[in-house]
């Protein structure tokens, strides 16, 4: 079965510097015990990995030296030997460095393995393994292949806002494997490089769906201060990287540039991110009334609470869309031209939605009910106005932008 790392069950406070260059740190607050584990997908590759990111940046590393220069980290005989670091960028001595170390160990070692490291003051900290890309590093050295594996994994977990987002990871390492999950349908991008070198080499490329189901702090979200860069002219992985060998195929990449250890990331809508849902025709946005049973209207965009909605997966490819104002959920009326309403969520098919990207690749979506007939939400007349059921067909009135507000 897929591995569900501890990060998906727990968040933490992150003190982060935004890039590999040493900059002034910024506090990013995560959550403690508030990030629920995603349900185990049932129709996925047995050796793919479900994880959560939340590493606000790769912290505590000086770009002039890289990881390897922190008391010779790459050459130390085993992770457990990394104690009492006193270099100019002590990894264990700082809160942001310890966060980086926690992800580093999580990437390197498998579940059930951990290391306890001591800071300059003699305080001990324990870090547990989860994914197990380079188990040999627990008691041996980390060679160039090991460094690339850890580098790609760390970069894949970066979220520049510190927000925790569910991810699906694939790669050539047997701890990851190839294969996709219906619960994580959007290929965000791939990460590769070697951040142990001087200067660090940290790269990404855009996946086919990098601009779909956009989530804060990830590719496609206008990241600020990301520690990686796009080394290609057009930025598309499929135009620049070597596809995985069969049967992996289109699920990931076996090499990018000269790097042979690539981690490809998939994601879905984030249930903890508020989104605004706005019409392609007028730009007016869905606006929730105060009471249950009230009609959803279209009004000019204000980003107010009554225009914010949470999109939560209830089944693979099916979602509830619920108001941030009162928790009531979008509910399709009965029959063609019936108005879109809201009500307490019951799991009924008229409250369960498919969200399908428009084939034009232009950032718009169709939102259609999962109930028999599959009627779609459509703008009814000019804004301000209401939204009604309409049989599915490719018209602008049925197309919606769904943008994150964090």
Protein backbone atom coordinates (compact mmCIF):
# COMPACT_ATOMS: atom_id res chain seq x y z
CA UNK A 1 0.00 0.00 0.00
CA UNK A 2 1.13 3.60 -0.44
CA UNK A 3 3.14 5.16 2.36
CA UNK A 4 1.37 7.91 4.25
CA UNK A 5 4.16 9.94 5.88
CA UNK A 6 3.83 11.44 9.32
CA UNK A 7 3.83 14.93 7.77
CA UNK A 8 0.31 14.29 6.50
CA UNK A 9 -0.91 13.92 10.07
CA UNK A 10 0.94 16.78 11.69
CA UNK A 11 1.94 20.36 10.95
CA UNK A 12 4.53 22.50 12.64
CA UNK A 13 5.68 26.07 13.16
CA UNK A 14 8.28 27.01 10.58
CA UNK A 15 10.88 29.77 10.94
CA UNK A 16 11.96 30.17 7.35
CA UNK A 17 14.38 32.05 5.17
CA UNK A 18 12.94 32.19 1.69
CA UNK A 19 15.92 31.15 -0.45
CA UNK A 20 19.13 29.18 -0.39
CA UNK A 21 20.90 32.51 0.06
CA UNK A 22 20.96 33.57 3.69
CA UNK A 23 18.27 36.21 4.09
CA UNK A 24 16.32 37.63 6.99
CA UNK A 25 14.09 34.86 8.33
CA UNK A 26 10.32 35.12 8.23
CA UNK A 27 7.96 33.35 10.60
CA UNK A 28 5.42 31.13 8.90
CA UNK A 29 2.87 29.52 11.15
CA UNK A 30 1.58 26.09 10.25
CA UNK A 31 -0.83 24.02 12.31
CA UNK A 32 -0.50 21.46 15.06
CA UNK A 33 -2.68 18.41 14.73
CA UNK A 34 -5.03 20.11 12.27
CA UNK A 35 -3.98 18.49 9.00
CA UNK A 36 -6.00 15.30 8.51
CA UNK A 37 -4.49 12.39 6.66
CA UNK A 38 -5.87 11.85 3.17
CA UNK A 39 -7.73 8.56 2.75
CA UNK A 40 -5.66 5.75 1.29
CA UNK A 41 -6.30 5.65 -2.48
CA UNK A 42 -7.47 2.21 -3.63
CA UNK A 43 -6.56 2.29 -7.32
CA UNK A 44 -2.94 3.37 -7.29
CA UNK A 45 0.52 1.96 -7.77
CA UNK A 46 1.56 0.04 -4.69
CA UNK A 47 4.89 1.81 -4.50
CA UNK A 48 3.97 5.44 -5.08
CA UNK A 49 4.06 7.79 -2.11
CA UNK A 50 1.48 10.15 -0.64
CA UNK A 51 3.02 12.98 1.37
CA UNK A 52 2.45 16.52 2.52
CA UNK A 53 4.72 19.47 1.94
CA UNK A 54 5.14 22.33 4.38
CA UNK A 55 8.86 23.07 4.22
CA UNK A 56 8.63 26.83 3.66
CA UNK A 57 12.07 26.84 2.05
CA UNK A 58 15.27 24.83 2.27
CA UNK A 59 16.40 26.60 5.38
CA UNK A 60 19.65 27.25 7.15
CA UNK A 61 21.87 26.60 4.13
CA UNK A 62 24.49 29.08 2.91
CA UNK A 63 24.51 29.27 -0.88
CA UNK A 64 28.24 29.87 -0.99
CA UNK A 65 28.86 26.44 0.50
CA UNK A 66 25.84 24.16 0.10
CA UNK A 67 24.89 21.30 2.35
CA UNK A 68 28.18 19.48 1.89
CA UNK A 69 30.14 22.30 3.48
CA UNK A 70 28.24 22.19 6.78
CA UNK A 71 30.96 20.24 8.60
CA UNK A 72 31.25 18.01 5.53
CA UNK A 73 27.64 16.80 5.83
CA UNK A 74 27.69 14.68 2.67
CA UNK A 75 30.88 12.89 3.66
CA UNK A 76 30.02 12.20 7.31
CA UNK A 77 29.81 8.49 8.01
CA UNK A 78 26.11 8.34 8.78
CA UNK A 79 23.36 10.79 9.62
CA UNK A 80 23.57 9.94 13.30
CA UNK A 81 27.06 11.43 13.43
CA UNK A 82 25.86 14.96 12.59
CA UNK A 83 26.11 16.40 16.10
CA UNK A 84 27.11 19.76 17.53
CA UNK A 85 27.36 21.61 14.23
CA UNK A 86 29.18 24.90 14.80
CA UNK A 87 29.81 26.18 11.26
CA UNK A 88 28.65 29.60 10.08
CA UNK A 89 25.29 28.00 9.16
CA UNK A 90 24.62 25.50 11.98
CA UNK A 91 21.84 23.21 10.85
CA UNK A 92 20.82 21.81 14.25
CA UNK A 93 21.35 25.02 16.22
CA UNK A 94 18.48 26.93 14.59
CA UNK A 95 14.73 26.32 14.35
CA UNK A 96 14.71 26.65 10.57
CA UNK A 97 17.72 24.36 10.28
CA UNK A 98 15.98 21.71 12.38
CA UNK A 99 12.94 21.88 10.11
CA UNK A 100 15.21 21.29 7.14
CA UNK A 101 16.88 18.41 8.94
CA UNK A 102 13.50 16.86 9.75
CA UNK A 103 12.59 16.79 6.06
CA UNK A 104 16.07 15.62 5.10
CA UNK A 105 15.81 12.61 7.44
CA UNK A 106 12.19 12.03 6.39
CA UNK A 107 13.33 11.80 2.75
CA UNK A 108 16.41 9.69 3.47
CA UNK A 109 15.29 7.03 5.93
CA UNK A 110 12.34 4.62 5.96
CA UNK A 111 9.59 4.42 8.56
CA UNK A 112 10.88 2.98 11.83
CA UNK A 113 14.33 4.53 11.50
CA UNK A 114 15.37 7.76 13.19
CA UNK A 115 18.39 9.74 14.28
CA UNK A 116 18.92 11.80 17.41
CA UNK A 117 21.15 14.83 16.89
CA UNK A 118 22.61 17.25 19.43
CA UNK A 119 22.93 21.00 19.00
CA UNK A 120 25.80 23.21 20.13
CA UNK A 121 24.28 23.50 23.60
CA UNK A 122 23.89 19.76 24.06
CA UNK A 123 20.13 19.69 23.45
CA UNK A 124 19.05 16.49 21.68
CA UNK A 125 16.50 16.40 18.84
CA UNK A 126 15.08 13.27 17.23
CA UNK A 127 14.14 13.07 13.55
CA UNK A 128 12.18 10.17 12.06
CA UNK A 129 12.36 8.62 8.62
CA UNK A 130 9.33 8.28 6.35
CA UNK A 131 10.07 7.81 2.63
CA UNK A 132 13.41 5.98 2.64
CA UNK A 133 15.09 7.15 -0.55
CA UNK A 134 18.64 6.67 0.75
CA UNK A 135 18.60 4.30 3.74
CA UNK A 136 22.35 3.70 3.33
CA UNK A 137 23.00 7.22 4.60
CA UNK A 138 21.92 6.23 8.11
CA UNK A 139 25.34 4.69 8.71
CA UNK A 140 27.29 5.41 5.53
CA UNK A 141 28.19 8.28 3.24
CA UNK A 142 25.94 10.13 0.79
CA UNK A 143 27.46 9.91 -2.70
CA UNK A 144 26.41 11.94 -5.77
CA UNK A 145 23.36 9.74 -6.46
CA UNK A 146 22.28 10.02 -2.83
CA UNK A 147 22.71 13.79 -2.94
CA UNK A 148 20.51 14.09 -6.03
CA UNK A 149 17.81 11.90 -4.44
CA UNK A 150 17.71 13.99 -1.26
CA UNK A 151 17.90 17.28 -3.16
CA UNK A 152 14.90 16.43 -5.38
CA UNK A 153 12.88 15.22 -2.40
CA UNK A 154 13.58 18.33 -0.33
CA UNK A 155 12.66 20.65 -3.19
CA UNK A 156 9.46 18.69 -3.85
CA UNK A 157 8.38 19.43 -0.27
CA UNK A 158 8.95 23.19 -0.41
CA UNK A 159 5.92 25.43 0.07
CA UNK A 160 6.96 29.07 0.18
CA UNK A 161 3.98 29.98 2.38
CA UNK A 162 4.54 27.15 4.88
CA UNK A 163 1.04 25.88 3.96
CA UNK A 164 0.60 22.10 4.17
CA UNK A 165 -0.66 20.60 0.91
CA UNK A 166 -1.27 16.94 0.11
CA UNK A 167 1.12 15.63 -2.57
CA UNK A 168 1.64 12.46 -4.61
CA UNK A 169 5.32 11.74 -5.39
CA UNK A 170 6.71 9.49 -8.12
CA UNK A 171 10.24 8.76 -9.26
CA UNK A 172 12.72 6.09 -10.29
CA UNK A 173 13.70 5.24 -6.71
CA UNK A 174 11.94 2.07 -5.56
CA UNK A 175 10.78 3.89 -2.42
CA UNK A 176 8.62 6.06 -4.73
CA UNK A 177 7.97 4.13 -7.95
CA UNK A 178 5.82 5.11 -10.91
CA UNK A 179 2.07 5.39 -11.21
CA UNK A 180 -0.65 7.95 -10.64
CA UNK A 181 -3.54 8.30 -8.19
CA UNK A 182 -7.09 9.36 -8.98
CA UNK A 183 -6.99 11.31 -5.71
CA UNK A 184 -4.12 13.50 -6.99
CA UNK A 185 -5.05 14.11 -10.64
CA UNK A 186 -2.93 17.17 -11.49
CA UNK A 187 0.74 16.86 -12.50
CA UNK A 188 2.32 19.91 -10.90
CA UNK A 189 5.96 19.57 -11.92
CA UNK A 190 9.29 17.88 -11.36
CA UNK A 191 12.28 18.74 -9.16
CA UNK A 192 15.94 17.87 -9.67
CA UNK A 193 19.47 19.06 -8.94
CA UNK A 194 22.07 18.83 -6.21
CA UNK A 195 21.88 21.29 -3.30
CA UNK A 196 24.94 19.69 -1.69
CA UNK A 197 27.24 21.30 -4.27
CA UNK A 198 28.84 24.73 -4.14
CA UNK A 199 26.89 26.65 -5.32
CA UNK A 200 23.73 24.55 -4.92
CA UNK A 201 21.95 23.41 -8.08
CA UNK A 202 18.19 23.57 -7.49
CA UNK A 203 15.81 23.23 -10.44
CA UNK A 204 12.20 22.58 -11.39
CA UNK A 205 10.14 22.27 -14.55
CA UNK A 206 6.41 22.66 -15.07
CA UNK A 207 4.19 19.60 -15.26
CA UNK A 208 1.26 19.40 -17.65
CA UNK A 209 -1.16 20.69 -15.00
CA UNK A 210 1.00 23.19 -13.11
CA UNK A 211 -1.60 25.94 -13.58
CA UNK A 212 -4.60 23.79 -12.56
CA UNK A 213 -5.98 23.29 -9.04
CA UNK A 214 -3.52 25.98 -7.95
CA UNK A 215 -2.60 25.95 -4.27
CA UNK A 216 -0.66 28.53 -2.22
CA UNK A 217 3.13 28.35 -2.20
CA UNK A 218 3.43 25.80 -5.01
CA UNK A 219 4.18 25.91 -8.75
CA UNK A 220 1.61 27.96 -10.65
CA UNK A 221 0.82 30.18 -7.65
CA UNK A 222 3.25 33.04 -8.39
CA UNK A 223 5.65 31.81 -5.72
CA UNK A 224 7.79 34.39 -3.95
CA UNK A 225 11.30 33.42 -2.89
CA UNK A 226 11.31 29.82 -4.13
CA UNK A 227 14.75 28.20 -3.70
CA UNK A 228 14.70 26.60 -7.17
CA UNK A 229 14.73 28.00 -10.70
CA UNK A 230 13.60 26.91 -14.16
CA UNK A 231 16.71 26.05 -16.24
CA UNK A 232 14.77 25.67 -19.51
CA UNK A 233 13.51 28.23 -22.02
CA UNK A 234 9.93 26.98 -22.19
CA UNK A 235 9.80 25.41 -18.71
CA UNK A 236 7.76 22.33 -19.68
CA UNK A 237 9.05 19.01 -18.32
CA UNK A 238 7.71 17.01 -21.27
CA UNK A 239 9.74 19.16 -23.69
CA UNK A 240 13.01 18.93 -21.77
CA UNK A 241 13.15 15.75 -19.67
CA UNK A 242 13.35 12.03 -20.42
CA UNK A 243 10.07 10.22 -19.79
CA UNK A 244 9.97 7.33 -17.36
CA UNK A 245 10.53 3.91 -18.93
CA UNK A 246 7.52 1.62 -19.45
CA UNK A 247 5.28 1.04 -17.62
CA UNK A 248 5.92 4.40 -15.89
CA UNK A 249 5.38 6.29 -19.12
CA UNK A 250 3.79 9.67 -18.66
CA UNK A 251 3.65 9.52 -14.86
CA UNK A 252 7.12 11.01 -14.39
CA UNK A 253 10.64 11.54 -15.68
CA UNK A 254 13.83 9.54 -15.35
CA UNK A 255 16.24 12.40 -16.12
CA UNK A 256 16.28 16.19 -16.50
CA UNK A 257 19.38 18.00 -17.72
CA UNK A 258 22.28 15.87 -16.43
CA UNK A 259 20.41 14.77 -13.31
CA UNK A 260 19.15 11.18 -13.15
CA UNK A 261 17.12 11.39 -9.95
CA UNK A 262 13.92 13.37 -10.50
CA UNK A 263 10.88 13.62 -8.23
CA UNK A 264 7.59 14.39 -9.97
CA UNK A 265 4.73 15.81 -7.91
CA UNK A 266 0.95 15.54 -8.29
CA UNK A 267 -1.63 17.47 -6.29
CA UNK A 268 -5.34 18.16 -5.97
CA UNK A 269 -7.49 21.05 -4.72
CA UNK A 270 -6.56 21.94 -1.16
CA UNK A 271 -9.51 21.67 1.26
CA UNK A 272 -7.99 24.27 3.62
CA UNK A 273 -7.50 26.97 0.98
CA UNK A 274 -10.35 29.44 0.29
CA UNK A 275 -11.09 29.90 -3.41
CA UNK A 276 -13.15 32.42 -5.35
CA UNK A 277 -15.28 31.10 -8.22
CA UNK A 278 -15.82 33.68 -10.97
CA UNK A 279 -17.62 33.67 -14.31
CA UNK A 280 -15.72 33.74 -17.58
CA UNK A 281 -18.45 35.90 -19.11
CA UNK A 282 -18.45 38.84 -16.69
CA UNK A 283 -15.78 38.19 -14.09
CA UNK A 284 -18.48 38.35 -11.39
CA UNK A 285 -18.05 35.82 -8.59
CA UNK A 286 -20.27 33.34 -6.81
CA UNK A 287 -21.65 34.94 -3.65
CA UNK A 288 -23.25 32.95 -0.84
CA UNK A 289 -26.34 34.15 1.04
CA UNK A 290 -26.52 33.91 4.81
CA UNK A 291 -29.25 31.29 5.10
CA UNK A 292 -29.61 27.67 4.09
CA UNK A 293 -31.73 27.25 0.98
CA UNK A 294 -30.80 30.66 -0.36
CA UNK A 295 -29.73 31.16 -3.95
CA UNK A 296 -26.10 31.62 -4.96
CA UNK A 297 -25.79 34.92 -6.80
CA UNK A 298 -23.18 36.56 -8.98
CA UNK A 299 -21.75 39.88 -7.80
CA UNK A 300 -18.66 41.95 -8.52
CA UNK A 301 -15.49 40.43 -7.10
CA UNK A 302 -14.59 41.69 -3.62
CA UNK A 303 -12.84 38.62 -2.12
CA UNK A 304 -15.16 39.02 0.88
CA UNK A 305 -15.91 36.02 3.07
CA UNK A 306 -19.21 35.35 1.29
CA UNK A 307 -17.25 34.94 -1.97
CA UNK A 308 -14.85 32.38 -0.52
CA UNK A 309 -15.41 28.64 -0.93
CA UNK A 310 -13.59 25.49 0.16
CA UNK A 311 -13.20 22.71 -2.42
CA UNK A 312 -12.93 19.33 -0.71
CA UNK A 313 -12.51 15.92 -2.32
CA UNK A 314 -15.27 13.50 -1.29
CA UNK A 315 -14.39 10.81 -3.86
CA UNK A 316 -11.66 10.69 -6.49
CA UNK A 317 -12.62 13.35 -9.02
CA UNK A 318 -15.65 14.51 -7.01
CA UNK A 319 -15.84 17.46 -4.63
CA UNK A 320 -18.00 19.46 -2.29
CA UNK A 321 -17.89 23.26 -2.68
CA UNK A 322 -18.77 24.95 0.60
CA UNK A 323 -18.99 28.55 1.75
CA UNK A 324 -16.29 29.88 4.06
CA UNK A 325 -18.94 32.19 5.49
CA UNK A 326 -21.26 29.57 6.96
CA UNK A 327 -20.09 26.09 5.90
CA UNK A 328 -23.15 25.56 3.70
CA UNK A 329 -22.46 23.82 0.41
CA UNK A 330 -23.44 24.39 -3.21
CA UNK A 331 -26.54 22.39 -4.05
CA UNK A 332 -28.02 21.92 -7.49
CA UNK A 333 -31.77 22.44 -7.83
CA UNK A 334 -34.08 19.96 -9.54
CA UNK A 335 -34.32 20.07 -13.32
CA UNK A 336 -32.98 22.31 -16.09
CA UNK A 337 -32.76 26.05 -15.34
CA UNK A 338 -33.20 25.48 -11.58
CA UNK A 339 -31.22 27.96 -9.49
CA UNK A 340 -28.02 27.02 -7.69
CA UNK A 341 -28.63 27.00 -3.92
CA UNK A 342 -26.76 26.21 -0.73
CA UNK A 343 -27.52 23.85 2.14
CA UNK A 344 -26.01 21.74 4.87
CA UNK A 345 -23.83 19.04 3.35
CA UNK A 346 -25.47 15.61 3.27
CA UNK A 347 -23.32 13.81 0.70
CA UNK A 348 -26.19 13.78 -1.80
CA UNK A 349 -25.27 13.70 -5.48
CA UNK A 350 -26.72 17.17 -6.05
CA UNK A 351 -24.03 18.47 -3.65
CA UNK A 352 -21.21 16.49 -5.24
CA UNK A 353 -19.42 18.17 -8.13
CA UNK A 354 -16.98 17.27 -10.87
CA UNK A 355 -14.54 20.07 -11.70
CA UNK A 356 -13.23 19.59 -15.22
CA UNK A 357 -10.63 21.87 -16.84
CA UNK A 358 -11.65 23.53 -20.08
CA UNK A 359 -9.78 21.90 -22.96
CA UNK A 360 -8.40 25.23 -24.08
CA UNK A 361 -5.83 25.14 -21.27
CA UNK A 362 -6.87 28.65 -20.29
CA UNK A 363 -7.45 28.21 -16.56
CA UNK A 364 -11.25 27.84 -16.67
CA UNK A 365 -13.31 24.91 -15.42
CA UNK A 366 -16.73 23.33 -15.81
CA UNK A 367 -18.51 22.56 -12.52
CA UNK A 368 -21.13 19.86 -13.03
CA UNK A 369 -23.17 17.87 -10.54
CA UNK A 370 -22.32 14.20 -10.10
CA UNK A 371 -26.00 13.23 -10.03
CA UNK A 372 -27.56 11.52 -13.08
CA UNK A 373 -27.87 13.95 -15.94
CA UNK A 374 -24.74 15.84 -14.96
CA UNK A 375 -26.18 19.34 -15.29
CA UNK A 376 -23.59 22.11 -15.01
CA UNK A 377 -23.52 25.48 -13.25
CA UNK A 378 -24.08 28.29 -15.72
CA UNK A 379 -24.36 32.05 -15.43
CA UNK A 380 -27.97 33.13 -16.01
CA UNK A 381 -28.04 36.54 -17.62
CA UNK A 382 -25.79 39.50 -16.81
CA UNK A 383 -24.29 40.05 -13.36
CA UNK A 384 -25.55 40.68 -10.79
CA UNK A 385 -27.67 37.60 -11.30
CA UNK A 386 -28.19 33.98 -10.44
CA UNK A 387 -26.64 30.70 -11.50
CA UNK A 388 -28.75 27.91 -12.94
CA UNK A 389 -28.56 24.34 -14.17
CA UNK A 390 -27.69 23.81 -17.81
CA UNK A 391 -26.99 20.73 -19.91
CA UNK A 392 -23.27 20.31 -20.45
CA UNK A 393 -21.93 22.01 -23.56
CA UNK A 394 -18.87 24.12 -24.28
CA UNK A 395 -20.11 27.67 -23.74
CA UNK A 396 -18.52 30.54 -21.84
CA UNK A 397 -21.48 30.79 -19.44
CA UNK A 398 -20.51 27.38 -18.01
CA UNK A 399 -16.84 28.24 -17.54
CA UNK A 400 -15.44 29.41 -14.21
CA UNK A 401 -12.11 30.55 -12.83
CA UNK A 402 -11.31 29.01 -9.44
CA UNK A 403 -8.47 30.98 -7.84
CA UNK A 404 -6.89 30.63 -4.37
CA UNK A 405 -7.18 33.58 -2.00
CA UNK A 406 -4.35 32.88 0.44
